[in-house]
């Protein structure tokens, strides 16, 4: 009788990106900056963005926000969602966005 042989598959999966992209420099603070809210329309992002905006507005004078409605739903693989993701850089440039808060729920 022979021992069974099993193929092992890593739970980590294959690497999708072959090279690292350097991160943008961190902002010193949000005073006078524009922050985009990007959301996948899954878990209470609208509530969390509202709370963040109120707290940030108290702490950082002149901070401005671009609501998630400007960017569309980034969740899913349908054409509409893929297009929303593809258009993010263009839309952010058009609104003068300096930073983004991205809400991806479970």
PDB file of N, CA and C in Angstrom:
ATOM      1  N   UNK A   1       0.825  -1.170   0.000  1.00  0.00           N
ATOM      2  CA  UNK A   1       0.000   0.000   0.000  1.00  0.00           C
ATOM      3  C   UNK A   1       0.886   1.257   0.000  1.00  0.00           C
ATOM      4  N   UNK A   2       0.545   2.263  -0.839  1.00  0.00           N
ATOM      5  CA  UNK A   2       1.360   3.477  -0.908  1.00  0.00           C
ATOM      6  C   UNK A   2       0.658   4.622  -0.175  1.00  0.00           C
ATOM      7  N   UNK A   3       1.474   5.529   0.296  1.00  0.00           N
ATOM      8  CA  UNK A   3       0.949   6.718   0.976  1.00  0.00           C
ATOM      9  C   UNK A   3       0.270   7.629  -0.039  1.00  0.00           C
ATOM     10  N   UNK A   4      -0.823   8.303   0.334  1.00  0.00           N
ATOM     11  CA  UNK A   4      -1.448   9.259  -0.583  1.00  0.00           C
ATOM     12  C   UNK A   4      -0.533  10.471  -0.776  1.00  0.00           C
ATOM     13  N   UNK A   5      -0.614  11.079  -1.939  1.00  0.00           N
ATOM     14  CA  UNK A   5       0.174  12.267  -2.247  1.00  0.00           C
ATOM     15  C   UNK A   5      -0.804  13.423  -2.456  1.00  0.00           C
ATOM     16  N   UNK A   6      -0.529  14.513  -1.777  1.00  0.00           N
ATOM     17  CA  UNK A   6      -1.392  15.690  -1.867  1.00  0.00           C
ATOM     18  C   UNK A   6      -0.622  16.857  -2.460  1.00  0.00           C
ATOM     19  N   UNK A   7      -1.297  17.605  -3.328  1.00  0.00           N
ATOM     20  CA  UNK A   7      -0.710  18.830  -3.855  1.00  0.00           C
ATOM     21  C   UNK A   7      -1.025  19.945  -2.859  1.00  0.00           C
ATOM     22  N   UNK A   8      -0.036  20.754  -2.549  1.00  0.00           N
ATOM     23  CA  UNK A   8      -0.219  21.830  -1.581  1.00  0.00           C
ATOM     24  C   UNK A   8      -0.331  23.153  -2.329  1.00  0.00           C
ATOM     25  N   UNK A   9      -1.329  23.938  -1.945  1.00  0.00           N
ATOM     26  CA  UNK A   9      -1.538  25.250  -2.552  1.00  0.00           C
ATOM     27  C   UNK A   9      -1.449  26.295  -1.445  1.00  0.00           C
ATOM     28  N   UNK A  10      -0.667  27.317  -1.679  1.00  0.00           N
ATOM     29  CA  UNK A  10      -0.508  28.373  -0.679  1.00  0.00           C
ATOM     30  C   UNK A  10      -1.801  29.164  -0.526  1.00  0.00           C
ATOM     31  N   UNK A  11      -2.212  29.453   0.707  1.00  0.00           N
ATOM     32  CA  UNK A  11      -3.402  30.281   0.905  1.00  0.00           C
ATOM     33  C   UNK A  11      -3.146  31.745   0.529  1.00  0.00           C
ATOM     34  N   UNK A  12      -1.886  32.103   0.361  1.00  0.00           N
ATOM     35  CA  UNK A  12      -1.543  33.477   0.007  1.00  0.00           C
ATOM     36  C   UNK A  12      -1.792  33.773  -1.470  1.00  0.00           C
ATOM     37  N   UNK A  13      -1.818  32.755  -2.268  1.00  0.00           N
ATOM     38  CA  UNK A  13      -2.026  32.967  -3.702  1.00  0.00           C
ATOM     39  C   UNK A  13      -0.773  33.512  -4.373  1.00  0.00           C
ATOM     40  N   UNK A  14      -0.900  33.759  -5.654  1.00  0.00           N
ATOM     41  CA  UNK A  14       0.222  34.300  -6.409  1.00  0.00           C
ATOM     42  C   UNK A  14       0.255  35.808  -6.276  1.00  0.00           C
ATOM     43  N   UNK A  15       1.423  36.363  -6.375  1.00  0.00           N
ATOM     44  CA  UNK A  15       1.588  37.815  -6.344  1.00  0.00           C
ATOM     45  C   UNK A  15       1.022  38.417  -7.612  1.00  0.00           C
ATOM     46  N   UNK A  16       0.160  39.394  -7.467  1.00  0.00           N
ATOM     47  CA  UNK A  16      -0.451  40.041  -8.631  1.00  0.00           C
ATOM     48  C   UNK A  16       0.409  41.175  -9.165  1.00  0.00           C
ATOM     49  N   UNK A  17       1.234  41.763  -8.310  1.00  0.00           N
ATOM     50  CA  UNK A  17       2.082  42.880  -8.713  1.00  0.00           C
ATOM     51  C   UNK A  17       3.525  42.435  -8.605  1.00  0.00           C
ATOM     52  N   UNK A  18       4.273  42.606  -9.685  1.00  0.00           N
ATOM     53  CA  UNK A  18       5.649  42.124  -9.679  1.00  0.00           C
ATOM     54  C   UNK A  18       6.623  43.142  -9.108  1.00  0.00           C
ATOM     55  N   UNK A  19       6.290  44.432  -9.147  1.00  0.00           N
ATOM     56  CA  UNK A  19       7.200  45.418  -8.576  1.00  0.00           C
ATOM     57  C   UNK A  19       6.425  46.400  -7.696  1.00  0.00           C
ATOM     58  N   UNK A  20       7.086  46.873  -6.685  1.00  0.00           N
ATOM     59  CA  UNK A  20       6.468  47.803  -5.751  1.00  0.00           C
ATOM     60  C   UNK A  20       6.432  49.211  -6.340  1.00  0.00           C
ATOM     61  N   UNK A  21       5.345  49.911  -6.097  1.00  0.00           N
ATOM     62  CA  UNK A  21       5.220  51.310  -6.484  1.00  0.00           C
ATOM     63  C   UNK A  21       5.446  52.140  -5.240  1.00  0.00           C
ATOM     64  N   UNK A  22       6.325  53.137  -5.315  1.00  0.00           N
ATOM     65  CA  UNK A  22       6.566  53.938  -4.110  1.00  0.00           C
ATOM     66  C   UNK A  22       5.310  54.712  -3.697  1.00  0.00           C
ATOM     67  N   UNK A  23       5.131  54.863  -2.402  1.00  0.00           N
ATOM     68  CA  UNK A  23       3.987  55.593  -1.887  1.00  0.00           C
ATOM     69  C   UNK A  23       4.192  57.093  -2.068  1.00  0.00           C
ATOM     70  N   UNK A  24       3.101  57.820  -2.180  1.00  0.00           N
ATOM     71  CA  UNK A  24       3.170  59.278  -2.247  1.00  0.00           C
ATOM     72  C   UNK A  24       3.627  59.796  -0.890  1.00  0.00           C
ATOM     73  N   UNK A  25       4.277  60.947  -0.872  1.00  0.00           N
ATOM     74  CA  UNK A  25       4.684  61.497   0.428  1.00  0.00           C
ATOM     75  C   UNK A  25       3.467  61.797   1.298  1.00  0.00           C
ATOM     76  N   UNK A  26       3.614  61.580   2.575  1.00  0.00           N
ATOM     77  CA  UNK A  26       2.527  61.811   3.530  1.00  0.00           C
ATOM     78  C   UNK A  26       2.308  63.315   3.710  1.00  0.00           C
ATOM     79  N   UNK A  27       1.044  63.732   3.796  1.00  0.00           N
ATOM     80  CA  UNK A  27       0.724  65.135   4.034  1.00  0.00           C
ATOM     81  C   UNK A  27       1.025  65.478   5.491  1.00  0.00           C
ATOM     82  N   UNK A  28       1.553  66.681   5.721  1.00  0.00           N
ATOM     83  CA  UNK A  28       1.834  67.114   7.093  1.00  0.00           C
ATOM     84  C   UNK A  28       0.534  67.240   7.890  1.00  0.00           C
ATOM     85  N   UNK A  29      -0.501  67.805   7.276  1.00  0.00           N
ATOM     86  CA  UNK A  29      -1.826  67.870   7.875  1.00  0.00           C
ATOM     87  C   UNK A  29      -2.838  68.143   6.760  1.00  0.00           C
ATOM     88  N   UNK A  30      -4.092  68.267   7.118  1.00  0.00           N
ATOM     89  CA  UNK A  30      -5.153  68.435   6.119  1.00  0.00           C
ATOM     90  C   UNK A  30      -5.644  69.875   5.993  1.00  0.00           C
ATOM     91  N   UNK A  31      -5.034  70.803   6.708  1.00  0.00           N
ATOM     92  CA  UNK A  31      -5.461  72.200   6.645  1.00  0.00           C
ATOM     93  C   UNK A  31      -5.348  72.709   5.207  1.00  0.00           C
ATOM     94  N   UNK A  32      -6.458  73.232   4.686  1.00  0.00           N
ATOM     95  CA  UNK A  32      -6.471  73.771   3.335  1.00  0.00           C
ATOM     96  C   UNK A  32      -6.412  72.726   2.230  1.00  0.00           C
ATOM     97  N   UNK A  33      -6.527  71.477   2.573  1.00  0.00           N
ATOM     98  CA  UNK A  33      -6.449  70.383   1.595  1.00  0.00           C
ATOM     99  C   UNK A  33      -7.838  69.907   1.198  1.00  0.00           C
ATOM    100  N   UNK A  34      -7.864  69.141   0.108  1.00  0.00           N
ATOM    101  CA  UNK A  34      -9.107  68.537  -0.370  1.00  0.00           C
ATOM    102  C   UNK A  34      -8.999  67.024  -0.229  1.00  0.00           C
ATOM    103  N   UNK A  35      -9.982  66.448   0.447  1.00  0.00           N
ATOM    104  CA  UNK A  35     -10.006  65.008   0.708  1.00  0.00           C
ATOM    105  C   UNK A  35     -11.182  64.390  -0.046  1.00  0.00           C
ATOM    106  N   UNK A  36     -10.902  63.343  -0.803  1.00  0.00           N
ATOM    107  CA  UNK A  36     -11.945  62.605  -1.523  1.00  0.00           C
ATOM    108  C   UNK A  36     -12.404  61.431  -0.679  1.00  0.00           C
ATOM    109  N   UNK A  37     -13.702  61.176  -0.699  1.00  0.00           N
ATOM    110  CA  UNK A  37     -14.259  59.988  -0.074  1.00  0.00           C
ATOM    111  C   UNK A  37     -14.618  59.012  -1.191  1.00  0.00           C
ATOM    112  N   UNK A  38     -13.980  57.854  -1.167  1.00  0.00           N
ATOM    113  CA  UNK A  38     -14.215  56.821  -2.179  1.00  0.00           C
ATOM    114  C   UNK A  38     -14.776  55.602  -1.451  1.00  0.00           C
ATOM    115  N   UNK A  39     -15.879  55.058  -1.984  1.00  0.00           N
ATOM    116  CA  UNK A  39     -16.596  54.017  -1.235  1.00  0.00           C
ATOM    117  C   UNK A  39     -17.082  52.917  -2.156  1.00  0.00           C
ATOM    118  N   UNK A  40     -17.141  51.705  -1.606  1.00  0.00           N
ATOM    119  CA  UNK A  40     -17.655  50.561  -2.355  1.00  0.00           C
ATOM    120  C   UNK A  40     -19.139  50.295  -2.090  1.00  0.00           C
ATOM    121  N   UNK A  41     -19.807  51.194  -1.406  1.00  0.00           N
ATOM    122  CA  UNK A  41     -21.244  51.116  -1.117  1.00  0.00           C
ATOM    123  C   UNK A  41     -21.634  49.846  -0.360  1.00  0.00           C
ATOM    124  N   UNK A  42     -20.711  49.334   0.461  1.00  0.00           N
ATOM    125  CA  UNK A  42     -21.021  48.105   1.172  1.00  0.00           C
ATOM    126  C   UNK A  42     -21.345  48.346   2.640  1.00  0.00           C
ATOM    127  N   UNK A  43     -20.441  48.856   3.434  1.00  0.00           N
ATOM    128  CA  UNK A  43     -20.674  48.914   4.875  1.00  0.00           C
ATOM    129  C   UNK A  43     -20.542  50.330   5.419  1.00  0.00           C
ATOM    130  N   UNK A  44     -21.611  51.015   5.612  1.00  0.00           N
ATOM    131  CA  UNK A  44     -21.720  52.269   6.353  1.00  0.00           C
ATOM    132  C   UNK A  44     -20.637  53.317   6.062  1.00  0.00           C
ATOM    133  N   UNK A  45     -20.077  53.309   4.881  1.00  0.00           N
ATOM    134  CA  UNK A  45     -19.068  54.304   4.533  1.00  0.00           C
ATOM    135  C   UNK A  45     -19.612  55.707   4.625  1.00  0.00           C
ATOM    136  N   UNK A  46     -20.843  55.888   4.220  1.00  0.00           N
ATOM    137  CA  UNK A  46     -21.443  57.225   4.267  1.00  0.00           C
ATOM    138  C   UNK A  46     -21.502  57.752   5.693  1.00  0.00           C
ATOM    139  N   UNK A  47     -21.791  56.888   6.650  1.00  0.00           N
ATOM    140  CA  UNK A  47     -21.833  57.283   8.059  1.00  0.00           C
ATOM    141  C   UNK A  47     -20.429  57.598   8.559  1.00  0.00           C
ATOM    142  N   UNK A  48     -19.473  56.742   8.229  1.00  0.00           N
ATOM    143  CA  UNK A  48     -18.102  56.941   8.680  1.00  0.00           C
ATOM    144  C   UNK A  48     -17.494  58.199   8.056  1.00  0.00           C
ATOM    145  N   UNK A  49     -17.748  58.433   6.775  1.00  0.00           N
ATOM    146  CA  UNK A  49     -17.223  59.628   6.121  1.00  0.00           C
ATOM    147  C   UNK A  49     -17.778  60.890   6.781  1.00  0.00           C
ATOM    148  N   UNK A  50     -19.054  60.871   7.128  1.00  0.00           N
ATOM    149  CA  UNK A  50     -19.665  62.027   7.781  1.00  0.00           C
ATOM    150  C   UNK A  50     -18.980  62.313   9.113  1.00  0.00           C
ATOM    151  N   UNK A  51     -18.738  61.296   9.885  1.00  0.00           N
ATOM    152  CA  UNK A  51     -18.079  61.472  11.190  1.00  0.00           C
ATOM    153  C   UNK A  51     -16.645  61.958  11.006  1.00  0.00           C
ATOM    154  N   UNK A  52     -15.950  61.385  10.036  1.00  0.00           N
ATOM    155  CA  UNK A  52     -14.577  61.820   9.766  1.00  0.00           C
ATOM    156  C   UNK A  52     -14.558  63.282   9.340  1.00  0.00           C
ATOM    157  N   UNK A  53     -15.476  63.666   8.441  1.00  0.00           N
ATOM    158  CA  UNK A  53     -15.518  65.033   7.930  1.00  0.00           C
ATOM    159  C   UNK A  53     -15.761  66.026   9.061  1.00  0.00           C
ATOM    160  N   UNK A  54     -16.683  65.713   9.959  1.00  0.00           N
ATOM    161  CA  UNK A  54     -16.960  66.628  11.078  1.00  0.00           C
ATOM    162  C   UNK A  54     -15.741  66.775  11.976  1.00  0.00           C
ATOM    163  N   UNK A  55     -15.086  65.670  12.300  1.00  0.00           N
ATOM    164  CA  UNK A  55     -13.910  65.725  13.172  1.00  0.00           C
ATOM    165  C   UNK A  55     -12.748  66.450  12.484  1.00  0.00           C
ATOM    166  N   UNK A  56     -12.535  66.175  11.217  1.00  0.00           N
ATOM    167  CA  UNK A  56     -11.430  66.805  10.488  1.00  0.00           C
ATOM    168  C   UNK A  56     -11.663  68.300  10.316  1.00  0.00           C
ATOM    169  N   UNK A  57     -12.905  68.697  10.065  1.00  0.00           N
ATOM    170  CA  UNK A  57     -13.226  70.116   9.889  1.00  0.00           C
ATOM    171  C   UNK A  57     -12.945  70.908  11.172  1.00  0.00           C
ATOM    172  N   UNK A  58     -13.151  70.298  12.328  1.00  0.00           N
ATOM    173  CA  UNK A  58     -12.847  70.960  13.600  1.00  0.00           C
ATOM    174  C   UNK A  58     -11.349  71.103  13.809  1.00  0.00           C
ATOM    175  N   UNK A  59     -10.597  70.144  13.314  1.00  0.00           N
ATOM    176  CA  UNK A  59      -9.149  70.103  13.571  1.00  0.00           C
ATOM    177  C   UNK A  59      -8.327  70.819  12.513  1.00  0.00           C
ATOM    178  N   UNK A  60      -8.775  70.809  11.257  1.00  0.00           N
ATOM    179  CA  UNK A  60      -7.988  71.353  10.148  1.00  0.00           C
ATOM    180  C   UNK A  60      -8.750  72.470   9.441  1.00  0.00           C
ATOM    181  N   UNK A  61      -8.368  73.714   9.653  1.00  0.00           N
ATOM    182  CA  UNK A  61      -9.075  74.820   9.007  1.00  0.00           C
ATOM    183  C   UNK A  61      -8.974  74.752   7.489  1.00  0.00           C
ATOM    184  N   UNK A  62     -10.093  74.995   6.834  1.00  0.00           N
ATOM    185  CA  UNK A  62     -10.100  75.056   5.372  1.00  0.00           C
ATOM    186  C   UNK A  62     -10.088  73.718   4.660  1.00  0.00           C
ATOM    187  N   UNK A  63     -10.193  72.612   5.397  1.00  0.00           N
ATOM    188  CA  UNK A  63     -10.246  71.311   4.724  1.00  0.00           C
ATOM    189  C   UNK A  63     -11.551  71.225   3.947  1.00  0.00           C
ATOM    190  N   UNK A  64     -11.468  70.636   2.762  1.00  0.00           N
ATOM    191  CA  UNK A  64     -12.634  70.506   1.889  1.00  0.00           C
ATOM    192  C   UNK A  64     -12.799  69.030   1.540  1.00  0.00           C
ATOM    193  N   UNK A  65     -14.043  68.613   1.306  1.00  0.00           N
ATOM    194  CA  UNK A  65     -14.318  67.203   1.022  1.00  0.00           C
ATOM    195  C   UNK A  65     -15.070  67.055  -0.292  1.00  0.00           C
ATOM    196  N   UNK A  66     -14.726  66.005  -1.023  1.00  0.00           N
ATOM    197  CA  UNK A  66     -15.462  65.633  -2.230  1.00  0.00           C
ATOM    198  C   UNK A  66     -16.154  64.320  -1.891  1.00  0.00           C
ATOM    199  N   UNK A  67     -17.478  64.323  -1.892  1.00  0.00           N
ATOM    200  CA  UNK A  67     -18.255  63.155  -1.484  1.00  0.00           C
ATOM    201  C   UNK A  67     -18.098  61.967  -2.416  1.00  0.00           C
ATOM    202  N   UNK A  68     -18.388  60.811  -1.889  1.00  0.00           N
ATOM    203  CA  UNK A  68     -18.267  59.554  -2.641  1.00  0.00           C
ATOM    204  C   UNK A  68     -19.154  59.540  -3.877  1.00  0.00           C
ATOM    205  N   UNK A  69     -20.221  60.337  -3.866  1.00  0.00           N
ATOM    206  CA  UNK A  69     -21.134  60.368  -5.010  1.00  0.00           C
ATOM    207  C   UNK A  69     -20.414  60.828  -6.279  1.00  0.00           C
ATOM    208  N   UNK A  70     -19.372  61.622  -6.122  1.00  0.00           N
ATOM    209  CA  UNK A  70     -18.623  62.143  -7.274  1.00  0.00           C
ATOM    210  C   UNK A  70     -17.830  61.054  -7.990  1.00  0.00           C
ATOM    211  N   UNK A  71     -17.580  59.939  -7.307  1.00  0.00           N
ATOM    212  CA  UNK A  71     -16.710  58.904  -7.864  1.00  0.00           C
ATOM    213  C   UNK A  71     -17.437  57.624  -8.242  1.00  0.00           C
ATOM    214  N   UNK A  72     -18.642  57.428  -7.739  1.00  0.00           N
ATOM    215  CA  UNK A  72     -19.388  56.216  -8.057  1.00  0.00           C
ATOM    216  C   UNK A  72     -18.995  55.049  -7.179  1.00  0.00           C
ATOM    217  N   UNK A  73     -19.683  53.946  -7.376  1.00  0.00           N
ATOM    218  CA  UNK A  73     -19.465  52.713  -6.620  1.00  0.00           C
ATOM    219  C   UNK A  73     -18.252  51.985  -7.175  1.00  0.00           C
ATOM    220  N   UNK A  74     -17.239  51.716  -6.326  1.00  0.00           N
ATOM    221  CA  UNK A  74     -16.017  51.040  -6.794  1.00  0.00           C
ATOM    222  C   UNK A  74     -16.040  49.541  -6.531  1.00  0.00           C
ATOM    223  N   UNK A  75     -17.177  49.016  -6.084  1.00  0.00           N
ATOM    224  CA  UNK A  75     -17.278  47.591  -5.747  1.00  0.00           C
ATOM    225  C   UNK A  75     -17.755  46.776  -6.949  1.00  0.00           C
ATOM    226  N   UNK A  76     -17.151  45.641  -7.130  1.00  0.00           N
ATOM    227  CA  UNK A  76     -17.664  44.707  -8.128  1.00  0.00           C
ATOM    228  C   UNK A  76     -16.863  44.683  -9.415  1.00  0.00           C
ATOM    229  N   UNK A  77     -17.324  43.841 -10.322  1.00  0.00           N
ATOM    230  CA  UNK A  77     -16.621  43.654 -11.591  1.00  0.00           C
ATOM    231  C   UNK A  77     -17.456  44.077 -12.787  1.00  0.00           C
ATOM    232  N   UNK A  78     -18.646  44.582 -12.533  1.00  0.00           N
ATOM    233  CA  UNK A  78     -19.489  45.033 -13.636  1.00  0.00           C
ATOM    234  C   UNK A  78     -18.825  46.226 -14.324  1.00  0.00           C
ATOM    235  N   UNK A  79     -19.194  46.464 -15.535  1.00  0.00           N
ATOM    236  CA  UNK A  79     -18.598  47.544 -16.329  1.00  0.00           C
ATOM    237  C   UNK A  79     -18.675  48.886 -15.607  1.00  0.00           C
ATOM    238  N   UNK A  80     -19.798  49.170 -14.981  1.00  0.00           N
ATOM    239  CA  UNK A  80     -19.973  50.446 -14.294  1.00  0.00           C
ATOM    240  C   UNK A  80     -18.950  50.632 -13.172  1.00  0.00           C
ATOM    241  N   UNK A  81     -18.708  49.589 -12.375  1.00  0.00           N
ATOM    242  CA  UNK A  81     -17.740  49.667 -11.283  1.00  0.00           C
ATOM    243  C   UNK A  81     -16.315  49.764 -11.817  1.00  0.00           C
ATOM    244  N   UNK A  82     -16.000  48.989 -12.851  1.00  0.00           N
ATOM    245  CA  UNK A  82     -14.654  49.061 -13.440  1.00  0.00           C
ATOM    246  C   UNK A  82     -14.391  50.457 -13.992  1.00  0.00           C
ATOM    247  N   UNK A  83     -15.397  51.026 -14.613  1.00  0.00           N
ATOM    248  CA  UNK A  83     -15.258  52.365 -15.170  1.00  0.00           C
ATOM    249  C   UNK A  83     -15.065  53.392 -14.046  1.00  0.00           C
ATOM    250  N   UNK A  84     -15.783  53.226 -12.943  1.00  0.00           N
ATOM    251  CA  UNK A  84     -15.628  54.144 -11.805  1.00  0.00           C
ATOM    252  C   UNK A  84     -14.193  54.122 -11.296  1.00  0.00           C
ATOM    253  N   UNK A  85     -13.604  52.935 -11.196  1.00  0.00           N
ATOM    254  CA  UNK A  85     -12.219  52.813 -10.728  1.00  0.00           C
ATOM    255  C   UNK A  85     -11.267  53.416 -11.761  1.00  0.00           C
ATOM    256  N   UNK A  86     -11.487  53.120 -13.024  1.00  0.00           N
ATOM    257  CA  UNK A  86     -10.618  53.658 -14.078  1.00  0.00           C
ATOM    258  C   UNK A  86     -10.626  55.181 -14.111  1.00  0.00           C
ATOM    259  N   UNK A  87     -11.761  55.787 -13.774  1.00  0.00           N
ATOM    260  CA  UNK A  87     -11.896  57.243 -13.835  1.00  0.00           C
ATOM    261  C   UNK A  87     -11.457  57.963 -12.556  1.00  0.00           C
ATOM    262  N   UNK A  88     -11.123  57.215 -11.506  1.00  0.00           N
ATOM    263  CA  UNK A  88     -10.739  57.843 -10.245  1.00  0.00           C
ATOM    264  C   UNK A  88      -9.627  58.884 -10.410  1.00  0.00           C
ATOM    265  N   UNK A  89      -8.502  58.559 -11.035  1.00  0.00           N
ATOM    266  CA  UNK A  89      -7.430  59.569 -11.120  1.00  0.00           C
ATOM    267  C   UNK A  89      -7.873  60.850 -11.833  1.00  0.00           C
ATOM    268  N   UNK A  90      -8.580  60.700 -12.918  1.00  0.00           N
ATOM    269  CA  UNK A  90      -9.052  61.858 -13.681  1.00  0.00           C
ATOM    270  C   UNK A  90     -10.012  62.716 -12.849  1.00  0.00           C
ATOM    271  N   UNK A  91     -10.945  62.070 -12.180  1.00  0.00           N
ATOM    272  CA  UNK A  91     -11.920  62.809 -11.364  1.00  0.00           C
ATOM    273  C   UNK A  91     -11.246  63.488 -10.179  1.00  0.00           C
ATOM    274  N   UNK A  92     -10.272  62.818  -9.584  1.00  0.00           N
ATOM    275  CA  UNK A  92      -9.566  63.420  -8.447  1.00  0.00           C
ATOM    276  C   UNK A  92      -8.740  64.634  -8.888  1.00  0.00           C
ATOM    277  N   UNK A  93      -8.078  64.512 -10.017  1.00  0.00           N
ATOM    278  CA  UNK A  93      -7.333  65.669 -10.540  1.00  0.00           C
ATOM    279  C   UNK A  93      -8.269  66.833 -10.812  1.00  0.00           C
ATOM    280  N   UNK A  94      -9.430  66.563 -11.402  1.00  0.00           N
ATOM    281  CA  UNK A  94     -10.394  67.609 -11.739  1.00  0.00           C
ATOM    282  C   UNK A  94     -10.888  68.335 -10.497  1.00  0.00           C
ATOM    283  N   UNK A  95     -10.987  67.636  -9.365  1.00  0.00           N
ATOM    284  CA  UNK A  95     -11.455  68.251  -8.122  1.00  0.00           C
ATOM    285  C   UNK A  95     -10.314  68.740  -7.232  1.00  0.00           C
ATOM    286  N   UNK A  96      -9.076  68.622  -7.709  1.00  0.00           N
ATOM    287  CA  UNK A  96      -7.937  69.080  -6.916  1.00  0.00           C
ATOM    288  C   UNK A  96      -7.734  68.315  -5.636  1.00  0.00           C
ATOM    289  N   UNK A  97      -7.973  67.008  -5.675  1.00  0.00           N
ATOM    290  CA  UNK A  97      -7.889  66.161  -4.488  1.00  0.00           C
ATOM    291  C   UNK A  97      -6.427  65.970  -4.069  1.00  0.00           C
ATOM    292  N   UNK A  98      -6.168  66.180  -2.770  1.00  0.00           N
ATOM    293  CA  UNK A  98      -4.837  65.987  -2.200  1.00  0.00           C
ATOM    294  C   UNK A  98      -4.691  64.641  -1.499  1.00  0.00           C
ATOM    295  N   UNK A  99      -5.798  64.101  -0.998  1.00  0.00           N
ATOM    296  CA  UNK A  99      -5.771  62.842  -0.256  1.00  0.00           C
ATOM    297  C   UNK A  99      -7.132  62.159  -0.414  1.00  0.00           C
ATOM    298  N   UNK A 100      -7.147  60.862  -0.152  1.00  0.00           N
ATOM    299  CA  UNK A 100      -8.412  60.123  -0.263  1.00  0.00           C
ATOM    300  C   UNK A 100      -8.600  59.247   0.969  1.00  0.00           C
ATOM    301  N   UNK A 101      -9.836  59.195   1.427  1.00  0.00           N
ATOM    302  CA  UNK A 101     -10.243  58.250   2.452  1.00  0.00           C
ATOM    303  C   UNK A 101     -11.092  57.216   1.716  1.00  0.00           C
ATOM    304  N   UNK A 102     -10.636  55.970   1.737  1.00  0.00           N
ATOM    305  CA  UNK A 102     -11.300  54.934   0.975  1.00  0.00           C
ATOM    306  C   UNK A 102     -11.992  53.979   1.933  1.00  0.00           C
ATOM    307  N   UNK A 103     -13.301  53.826   1.776  1.00  0.00           N
ATOM    308  CA  UNK A 103     -14.081  52.947   2.636  1.00  0.00           C
ATOM    309  C   UNK A 103     -14.439  51.678   1.900  1.00  0.00           C
ATOM    310  N   UNK A 104     -13.860  50.564   2.366  1.00  0.00           N
ATOM    311  CA  UNK A 104     -14.154  49.263   1.779  1.00  0.00           C
ATOM    312  C   UNK A 104     -14.693  48.401   2.910  1.00  0.00           C
ATOM    313  N   UNK A 105     -15.987  48.104   2.851  1.00  0.00           N
ATOM    314  CA  UNK A 105     -16.635  47.386   3.940  1.00  0.00           C
ATOM    315  C   UNK A 105     -16.677  45.898   3.738  1.00  0.00           C
ATOM    316  N   UNK A 106     -17.076  45.212   4.787  1.00  0.00           N
ATOM    317  CA  UNK A 106     -17.185  43.765   4.740  1.00  0.00           C
ATOM    318  C   UNK A 106     -18.627  43.352   4.685  1.00  0.00           C
TER     319      UNK A 106
END
